[in-house]
């Protein structure tokens, strides 16, 4: 898969092709396309947003960090809603896995994700509080 093809598929007019490419990026673990997926979480098609957000979670902590960046950058809209929904699901899943296993790596990843979420949440809250003053 060349860089040119990935970009062409992610910018294709057909939402099904964009969604399929977003899903493939996550399944193949192509972390170099995190910025492209992050942008696609704001796509006009729900399926593209969905697959882009879930592909970011497949890219472990770096992809999750990109979802948290969306929380800090967006104030409203589909992109923010999708990112928030997927973050909540990922944190709940991680919490259950961390509690059910003695796998230190899974517990560490969950703690890193939780820290990123709290950090982005605090920035969002502090920004809102500053605007209200």
Protein backbone atom coordinates (compact mmCIF):
# COMPACT_ATOMS: atom_id res chain seq x y z
CA UNK A 1 0.00 0.00 0.00
CA UNK A 2 1.68 3.19 -1.12
CA UNK A 3 1.27 6.52 0.59
CA UNK A 4 -0.28 7.90 -2.58
CA UNK A 5 -2.92 5.15 -2.68
CA UNK A 6 -3.85 5.50 0.98
CA UNK A 7 -4.33 9.25 0.49
CA UNK A 8 -6.33 8.70 -2.71
CA UNK A 9 -8.64 6.18 -1.01
CA UNK A 10 -9.09 8.37 2.09
CA UNK A 11 -10.10 11.29 -0.17
CA UNK A 12 -12.29 9.23 -2.54
CA UNK A 13 -15.78 10.51 -3.37
CA UNK A 14 -17.38 7.20 -2.33
CA UNK A 15 -17.84 7.01 1.45
CA UNK A 16 -17.62 3.21 1.36
CA UNK A 17 -14.09 3.36 -0.03
CA UNK A 18 -13.07 5.97 2.56
CA UNK A 19 -14.57 3.82 5.34
CA UNK A 20 -12.87 0.68 4.07
CA UNK A 21 -9.52 2.46 3.91
CA UNK A 22 -9.94 3.90 7.41
CA UNK A 23 -10.67 0.43 8.73
CA UNK A 24 -7.70 -1.09 6.86
CA UNK A 25 -5.29 1.49 8.31
CA UNK A 26 -6.22 0.39 11.83
CA UNK A 27 -6.17 -3.32 11.04
CA UNK A 28 -2.73 -3.01 9.43
CA UNK A 29 -1.41 -0.92 12.32
CA UNK A 30 -0.26 1.93 10.08
CA UNK A 31 0.57 4.50 12.77
CA UNK A 32 1.97 6.93 10.22
CA UNK A 33 -1.63 7.67 9.16
CA UNK A 34 -2.83 8.75 12.61
CA UNK A 35 -3.17 12.41 11.47
CA UNK A 36 -5.23 11.30 8.47
CA UNK A 37 -7.51 9.16 10.64
CA UNK A 38 -7.85 11.96 13.16
CA UNK A 39 -9.04 14.25 10.38
CA UNK A 40 -11.39 11.57 9.02
CA UNK A 41 -13.17 11.35 12.40
CA UNK A 42 -14.81 14.55 11.14
CA UNK A 43 -15.91 13.07 7.78
CA UNK A 44 -19.44 13.71 6.52
CA UNK A 45 -20.17 9.95 6.54
CA UNK A 46 -20.95 8.31 9.89
CA UNK A 47 -19.27 5.09 8.75
CA UNK A 48 -16.03 6.87 7.89
CA UNK A 49 -16.08 8.63 11.27
CA UNK A 50 -16.81 5.32 12.99
CA UNK A 51 -14.06 3.33 11.29
CA UNK A 52 -11.55 6.16 11.65
CA UNK A 53 -12.16 6.49 15.39
CA UNK A 54 -12.01 2.75 16.02
CA UNK A 55 -8.89 2.47 13.89
CA UNK A 56 -7.28 5.07 16.12
CA UNK A 57 -8.00 2.85 19.13
CA UNK A 58 -6.39 -0.07 17.27
CA UNK A 59 -3.22 2.03 17.05
CA UNK A 60 -2.80 1.75 20.81
CA UNK A 61 -1.80 4.71 22.97
CA UNK A 62 -0.71 6.97 20.07
CA UNK A 63 -4.07 6.57 18.35
CA UNK A 64 -5.93 7.08 21.62
CA UNK A 65 -3.92 10.27 22.18
CA UNK A 66 -5.18 11.55 18.81
CA UNK A 67 -8.77 10.96 19.96
CA UNK A 68 -8.05 12.90 23.13
CA UNK A 69 -6.63 15.75 21.03
CA UNK A 70 -10.00 15.94 19.29
CA UNK A 71 -11.62 16.56 22.69
CA UNK A 72 -9.29 19.51 23.24
CA UNK A 73 -9.64 20.93 19.74
CA UNK A 74 -13.34 20.58 18.99
CA UNK A 75 -16.17 22.37 20.77
CA UNK A 76 -19.17 20.63 19.18
CA UNK A 77 -20.24 18.49 16.28
CA UNK A 78 -20.03 14.96 14.94
CA UNK A 79 -16.26 14.73 15.25
CA UNK A 80 -16.35 15.51 18.97
CA UNK A 81 -19.29 13.18 19.60
CA UNK A 82 -17.64 10.26 17.82
CA UNK A 83 -14.32 10.78 19.59
CA UNK A 84 -15.99 11.01 22.99
CA UNK A 85 -18.10 7.90 22.43
CA UNK A 86 -15.13 5.80 21.30
CA UNK A 87 -12.93 7.09 24.13
CA UNK A 88 -15.57 6.12 26.71
CA UNK A 89 -15.93 2.64 25.21
CA UNK A 90 -12.16 2.15 25.05
CA UNK A 91 -11.67 3.23 28.66
CA UNK A 92 -14.44 0.92 29.88
CA UNK A 93 -13.01 -2.00 27.91
CA UNK A 94 -9.52 -1.24 29.21
CA UNK A 95 -10.77 -1.02 32.79
CA UNK A 96 -12.41 -4.43 32.53
CA UNK A 97 -9.31 -5.99 30.93
CA UNK A 98 -6.97 -4.46 33.50
CA UNK A 99 -9.13 -5.75 36.35
CA UNK A 100 -9.51 -9.24 34.87
CA UNK A 101 -5.86 -9.87 34.11
CA UNK A 102 -2.50 -9.69 35.77
CA UNK A 103 -0.97 -8.54 32.46
CA UNK A 104 1.14 -5.56 33.45
CA UNK A 105 1.31 -4.31 29.84
CA UNK A 106 -2.51 -4.08 29.57
CA UNK A 107 -2.71 -2.33 32.93
CA UNK A 108 -0.01 0.11 31.87
CA UNK A 109 -1.78 0.89 28.58
CA UNK A 110 -5.06 1.45 30.42
CA UNK A 111 -3.38 3.82 32.88
CA UNK A 112 -1.69 5.73 30.04
CA UNK A 113 -5.01 6.11 28.22
CA UNK A 114 -6.80 7.19 31.39
CA UNK A 115 -4.07 9.76 32.04
CA UNK A 116 -4.35 11.12 28.47
CA UNK A 117 -8.12 11.38 28.82
CA UNK A 118 -7.95 13.18 32.17
CA UNK A 119 -5.28 15.51 30.82
CA UNK A 120 -7.39 16.41 27.77
CA UNK A 121 -10.52 16.69 29.89
CA UNK A 122 -8.83 19.11 32.31
CA UNK A 123 -7.67 21.29 29.42
CA UNK A 124 -11.17 21.32 27.98
CA UNK A 125 -12.69 22.25 31.34
CA UNK A 126 -10.06 24.90 32.05
CA UNK A 127 -10.62 26.45 28.61
CA UNK A 128 -14.39 26.59 29.19
CA UNK A 129 -13.88 28.03 32.68
CA UNK A 130 -11.55 30.73 31.29
CA UNK A 131 -14.10 31.67 28.63
CA UNK A 132 -16.84 31.98 31.25
CA UNK A 133 -14.86 34.53 33.28
